[in-house]
Amino acid sequence: MIDTEMIEKRLNIELTTTDSEFLSKLQRKHPNLNQRELRICLLIKLNYNTRDIARSVGISTRGMESIRYRMHKKIGLTKHQSLKGYLTDLATLIN
């Protein structure tokens, strides 16, 4: 299960109930995503840019781009679907 306390500490942000629900929904829909990928998905949904996400995770911007590419494939999006758009849509869907 998602360790929201760890995520809050690593990101230096306080997760709202909506954020926690989003992470739970994302984990249920895509159980193959690891903790780091879940954190990155939350940051993408919260409109953080690739450079800021890379800094918070402790990797290079290019490394972050590679992770986003792999997550895009893991989630099963087509070439023309946006990861951010998908995550935003998922956040607005009712359970």
N, C-alpha and C. Protein backbone atom coordinates (compact mmCIF):
# COMPACT_ATOMS: atom_id res chain seq x y z
N MET A 1 0.84 -1.19 0.00
CA MET A 1 0.00 0.00 0.00
C MET A 1 0.88 1.25 0.00
N ILE A 2 0.30 2.35 -0.30
CA ILE A 2 1.02 3.61 -0.42
C ILE A 2 1.40 4.15 0.95
N ASP A 3 2.64 4.54 1.11
CA ASP A 3 3.11 5.14 2.34
C ASP A 3 3.04 6.66 2.16
N THR A 4 1.88 7.24 2.47
CA THR A 4 1.70 8.68 2.22
C THR A 4 2.59 9.54 3.10
N GLU A 5 2.91 9.08 4.31
CA GLU A 5 3.81 9.85 5.17
C GLU A 5 5.19 9.97 4.54
N MET A 6 5.68 8.87 3.97
CA MET A 6 6.98 8.88 3.32
C MET A 6 6.96 9.83 2.12
N ILE A 7 5.88 9.78 1.35
CA ILE A 7 5.77 10.65 0.18
C ILE A 7 5.77 12.11 0.62
N GLU A 8 5.00 12.43 1.66
CA GLU A 8 4.95 13.81 2.16
C GLU A 8 6.33 14.29 2.58
N LYS A 9 7.06 13.43 3.30
CA LYS A 9 8.38 13.81 3.79
C LYS A 9 9.35 14.01 2.63
N ARG A 10 9.34 13.11 1.66
CA ARG A 10 10.27 13.21 0.53
C ARG A 10 10.00 14.44 -0.33
N LEU A 11 8.72 14.82 -0.46
CA LEU A 11 8.37 15.94 -1.33
C LEU A 11 8.27 17.26 -0.59
N ASN A 12 8.32 17.20 0.74
CA ASN A 12 8.15 18.40 1.56
C ASN A 12 6.82 19.11 1.27
N ILE A 13 5.78 18.33 1.03
CA ILE A 13 4.45 18.89 0.86
C ILE A 13 3.48 18.07 1.70
N GLU A 14 2.37 18.67 2.03
CA GLU A 14 1.36 17.94 2.76
C GLU A 14 0.31 17.47 1.77
N LEU A 15 0.07 16.17 1.76
CA LEU A 15 -0.90 15.62 0.83
C LEU A 15 -2.31 15.92 1.32
N THR A 16 -3.15 16.34 0.40
CA THR A 16 -4.54 16.56 0.73
C THR A 16 -5.26 15.21 0.64
N THR A 17 -6.48 15.17 1.11
CA THR A 17 -7.28 13.96 1.00
C THR A 17 -7.45 13.59 -0.47
N THR A 18 -7.63 14.58 -1.31
CA THR A 18 -7.78 14.36 -2.75
C THR A 18 -6.53 13.72 -3.33
N ASP A 19 -5.36 14.19 -2.91
CA ASP A 19 -4.10 13.62 -3.39
C ASP A 19 -3.97 12.16 -2.96
N SER A 20 -4.30 11.87 -1.72
CA SER A 20 -4.23 10.50 -1.21
C SER A 20 -5.19 9.59 -1.96
N GLU A 21 -6.39 10.10 -2.23
CA GLU A 21 -7.38 9.32 -2.99
C GLU A 21 -6.88 9.07 -4.41
N PHE A 22 -6.26 10.08 -5.00
CA PHE A 22 -5.71 9.94 -6.35
C PHE A 22 -4.64 8.85 -6.37
N LEU A 23 -3.73 8.87 -5.40
CA LEU A 23 -2.67 7.86 -5.34
C LEU A 23 -3.25 6.47 -5.16
N SER A 24 -4.27 6.34 -4.33
CA SER A 24 -4.90 5.03 -4.12
C SER A 24 -5.57 4.54 -5.40
N LYS A 25 -6.26 5.44 -6.08
CA LYS A 25 -6.93 5.10 -7.33
C LYS A 25 -5.91 4.69 -8.39
N LEU A 26 -4.82 5.44 -8.48
CA LEU A 26 -3.77 5.15 -9.45
C LEU A 26 -3.13 3.80 -9.16
N GLN A 27 -2.88 3.52 -7.89
CA GLN A 27 -2.25 2.25 -7.52
C GLN A 27 -3.19 1.07 -7.80
N ARG A 28 -4.49 1.26 -7.57
CA ARG A 28 -5.45 0.18 -7.88
C ARG A 28 -5.51 -0.08 -9.38
N LYS A 29 -5.51 1.00 -10.15
CA LYS A 29 -5.64 0.86 -11.61
C LYS A 29 -4.34 0.36 -12.26
N HIS A 30 -3.21 0.73 -11.68
CA HIS A 30 -1.90 0.36 -12.24
C HIS A 30 -0.99 -0.17 -11.13
N PRO A 31 -1.24 -1.40 -10.68
CA PRO A 31 -0.45 -1.96 -9.58
C PRO A 31 1.02 -2.19 -9.93
N ASN A 32 1.37 -2.11 -11.20
CA ASN A 32 2.75 -2.33 -11.63
C ASN A 32 3.63 -1.09 -11.41
N LEU A 33 3.04 0.05 -11.02
CA LEU A 33 3.83 1.25 -10.76
C LEU A 33 4.47 1.14 -9.38
N ASN A 34 5.75 1.50 -9.28
CA ASN A 34 6.42 1.45 -7.97
C ASN A 34 6.20 2.77 -7.22
N GLN A 35 6.71 2.84 -5.99
CA GLN A 35 6.50 4.02 -5.14
C GLN A 35 7.04 5.30 -5.79
N ARG A 36 8.22 5.23 -6.39
CA ARG A 36 8.79 6.42 -7.02
C ARG A 36 7.91 6.89 -8.18
N GLU A 37 7.43 5.94 -8.97
CA GLU A 37 6.58 6.30 -10.11
C GLU A 37 5.26 6.90 -9.64
N LEU A 38 4.71 6.39 -8.54
CA LEU A 38 3.49 6.96 -7.99
C LEU A 38 3.72 8.41 -7.55
N ARG A 39 4.86 8.64 -6.88
CA ARG A 39 5.22 10.00 -6.45
C ARG A 39 5.34 10.93 -7.66
N ILE A 40 6.00 10.43 -8.69
CA ILE A 40 6.19 11.24 -9.90
C ILE A 40 4.85 11.54 -10.55
N CYS A 41 3.97 10.56 -10.60
CA CYS A 41 2.63 10.78 -11.17
C CYS A 41 1.89 11.87 -10.41
N LEU A 42 2.00 11.85 -9.08
CA LEU A 42 1.34 12.89 -8.28
C LEU A 42 1.91 14.26 -8.62
N LEU A 43 3.22 14.36 -8.73
CA LEU A 43 3.84 15.65 -9.05
C LEU A 43 3.45 16.13 -10.45
N ILE A 44 3.36 15.20 -11.39
CA ILE A 44 2.91 15.57 -12.74
C ILE A 44 1.50 16.11 -12.68
N LYS A 45 0.64 15.42 -11.94
CA LYS A 45 -0.76 15.87 -11.79
C LYS A 45 -0.84 17.24 -11.12
N LEU A 46 0.09 17.51 -10.20
CA LEU A 46 0.10 18.78 -9.48
C LEU A 46 0.80 19.90 -10.27
N ASN A 47 1.09 19.66 -11.55
CA ASN A 47 1.66 20.65 -12.48
C ASN A 47 3.12 21.01 -12.22
N TYR A 48 3.87 20.13 -11.58
CA TYR A 48 5.30 20.36 -11.45
C TYR A 48 5.94 20.05 -12.80
N ASN A 49 6.97 20.81 -13.18
CA ASN A 49 7.62 20.53 -14.46
C ASN A 49 8.70 19.46 -14.28
N THR A 50 9.17 18.94 -15.38
CA THR A 50 10.12 17.83 -15.37
C THR A 50 11.39 18.17 -14.59
N ARG A 51 11.89 19.37 -14.74
CA ARG A 51 13.11 19.78 -14.04
C ARG A 51 12.91 19.77 -12.52
N ASP A 52 11.78 20.31 -12.05
CA ASP A 52 11.50 20.35 -10.61
C ASP A 52 11.29 18.94 -10.05
N ILE A 53 10.61 18.09 -10.81
CA ILE A 53 10.40 16.71 -10.36
C ILE A 53 11.74 15.99 -10.27
N ALA A 54 12.59 16.17 -11.28
CA ALA A 54 13.90 15.52 -11.29
C ALA A 54 14.71 15.95 -10.07
N ARG A 55 14.67 17.24 -9.75
CA ARG A 55 15.40 17.75 -8.59
C ARG A 55 14.88 17.13 -7.30
N SER A 56 13.56 17.02 -7.16
CA SER A 56 12.99 16.48 -5.92
C SER A 56 13.25 14.98 -5.77
N VAL A 57 13.38 14.27 -6.90
CA VAL A 57 13.64 12.83 -6.86
C VAL A 57 15.15 12.57 -6.78
N GLY A 58 15.96 13.55 -7.15
CA GLY A 58 17.40 13.41 -7.06
C GLY A 58 18.04 12.80 -8.29
N ILE A 59 17.48 13.09 -9.47
CA ILE A 59 18.04 12.57 -10.72
C ILE A 59 18.16 13.72 -11.72
N SER A 60 18.79 13.43 -12.85
CA SER A 60 18.94 14.46 -13.89
C SER A 60 17.62 14.64 -14.64
N THR A 61 17.52 15.75 -15.33
CA THR A 61 16.32 16.02 -16.14
C THR A 61 16.17 14.94 -17.21
N ARG A 62 17.27 14.55 -17.83
CA ARG A 62 17.23 13.49 -18.86
C ARG A 62 16.77 12.17 -18.26
N GLY A 63 17.24 11.86 -17.05
CA GLY A 63 16.79 10.65 -16.36
C GLY A 63 15.29 10.70 -16.10
N MET A 64 14.80 11.89 -15.75
CA MET A 64 13.37 12.05 -15.50
C MET A 64 12.58 11.84 -16.78
N GLU A 65 13.09 12.32 -17.88
CA GLU A 65 12.42 12.13 -19.17
C GLU A 65 12.32 10.65 -19.51
N SER A 66 13.38 9.90 -19.20
CA SER A 66 13.37 8.45 -19.44
C SER A 66 12.32 7.75 -18.57
N ILE A 67 12.24 8.17 -17.31
CA ILE A 67 11.24 7.59 -16.40
C ILE A 67 9.83 7.88 -16.91
N ARG A 68 9.60 9.11 -17.35
CA ARG A 68 8.27 9.46 -17.88
C ARG A 68 7.93 8.60 -19.10
N TYR A 69 8.92 8.38 -19.95
CA TYR A 69 8.71 7.55 -21.14
C TYR A 69 8.31 6.13 -20.73
N ARG A 70 9.04 5.55 -19.78
CA ARG A 70 8.74 4.19 -19.33
C ARG A 70 7.38 4.11 -18.63
N MET A 71 7.04 5.14 -17.86
CA MET A 71 5.73 5.16 -17.20
C MET A 71 4.61 5.24 -18.24
N HIS A 72 4.83 6.01 -19.27
CA HIS A 72 3.87 6.15 -20.37
C HIS A 72 3.55 4.77 -20.94
N LYS A 73 4.61 3.96 -21.14
CA LYS A 73 4.43 2.61 -21.67
C LYS A 73 3.79 1.68 -20.64
N LYS A 74 4.21 1.77 -19.37
CA LYS A 74 3.67 0.93 -18.30
C LYS A 74 2.17 1.13 -18.13
N ILE A 75 1.75 2.39 -18.23
CA ILE A 75 0.33 2.71 -18.06
C ILE A 75 -0.46 2.28 -19.29
N GLY A 76 0.21 2.14 -20.42
CA GLY A 76 -0.45 1.67 -21.63
C GLY A 76 -1.03 2.76 -22.50
N LEU A 77 -0.43 3.93 -22.45
CA LEU A 77 -0.91 5.04 -23.27
C LEU A 77 -0.36 4.92 -24.68
N THR A 78 -1.12 5.40 -25.63
CA THR A 78 -0.64 5.40 -27.01
C THR A 78 0.35 6.54 -27.20
N LYS A 79 1.01 6.54 -28.34
CA LYS A 79 2.04 7.53 -28.63
C LYS A 79 1.52 8.97 -28.53
N HIS A 80 0.27 9.17 -28.87
CA HIS A 80 -0.28 10.52 -28.92
C HIS A 80 -1.06 10.92 -27.66
N GLN A 81 -1.10 10.04 -26.67
CA GLN A 81 -1.78 10.39 -25.43
C GLN A 81 -0.80 11.03 -24.46
N SER A 82 -1.27 12.02 -23.76
CA SER A 82 -0.44 12.74 -22.80
C SER A 82 -0.52 12.08 -21.42
N LEU A 83 0.62 11.89 -20.79
CA LEU A 83 0.65 11.34 -19.43
C LEU A 83 -0.05 12.29 -18.47
N LYS A 84 0.25 13.57 -18.58
CA LYS A 84 -0.39 14.57 -17.71
C LYS A 84 -1.90 14.59 -17.93
N GLY A 85 -2.33 14.55 -19.17
CA GLY A 85 -3.76 14.53 -19.47
C GLY A 85 -4.44 13.31 -18.88
N TYR A 86 -3.79 12.17 -19.02
CA TYR A 86 -4.34 10.92 -18.47
C TYR A 86 -4.48 11.01 -16.96
N LEU A 87 -3.44 11.49 -16.29
CA LEU A 87 -3.47 11.59 -14.82
C LEU A 87 -4.51 12.60 -14.35
N THR A 88 -4.64 13.70 -15.07
CA THR A 88 -5.66 14.69 -14.72
C THR A 88 -7.05 14.11 -14.88
N ASP A 89 -7.28 13.39 -15.97
CA ASP A 89 -8.57 12.75 -16.20
C ASP A 89 -8.87 11.71 -15.12
N LEU A 90 -7.86 10.93 -14.76
CA LEU A 90 -8.04 9.90 -13.73
C LEU A 90 -8.41 10.54 -12.40
N ALA A 91 -7.80 11.69 -12.10
CA ALA A 91 -8.08 12.38 -10.84
C ALA A 91 -9.51 12.90 -10.78
N THR A 92 -10.10 13.21 -11.93
CA THR A 92 -11.44 13.77 -11.94
C THR A 92 -12.54 12.71 -12.02
N LEU A 93 -12.15 11.48 -12.36
CA LEU A 93 -13.13 10.41 -12.45
C LEU A 93 -13.64 10.02 -11.07
N ILE A 94 -14.91 9.73 -11.00
CA ILE A 94 -15.51 9.25 -9.74
C ILE A 94 -15.23 7.77 -9.63
N ASN A 95 -14.88 7.31 -8.40
CA ASN A 95 -14.58 5.90 -8.17
C ASN A 95 -15.58 5.06 -8.83
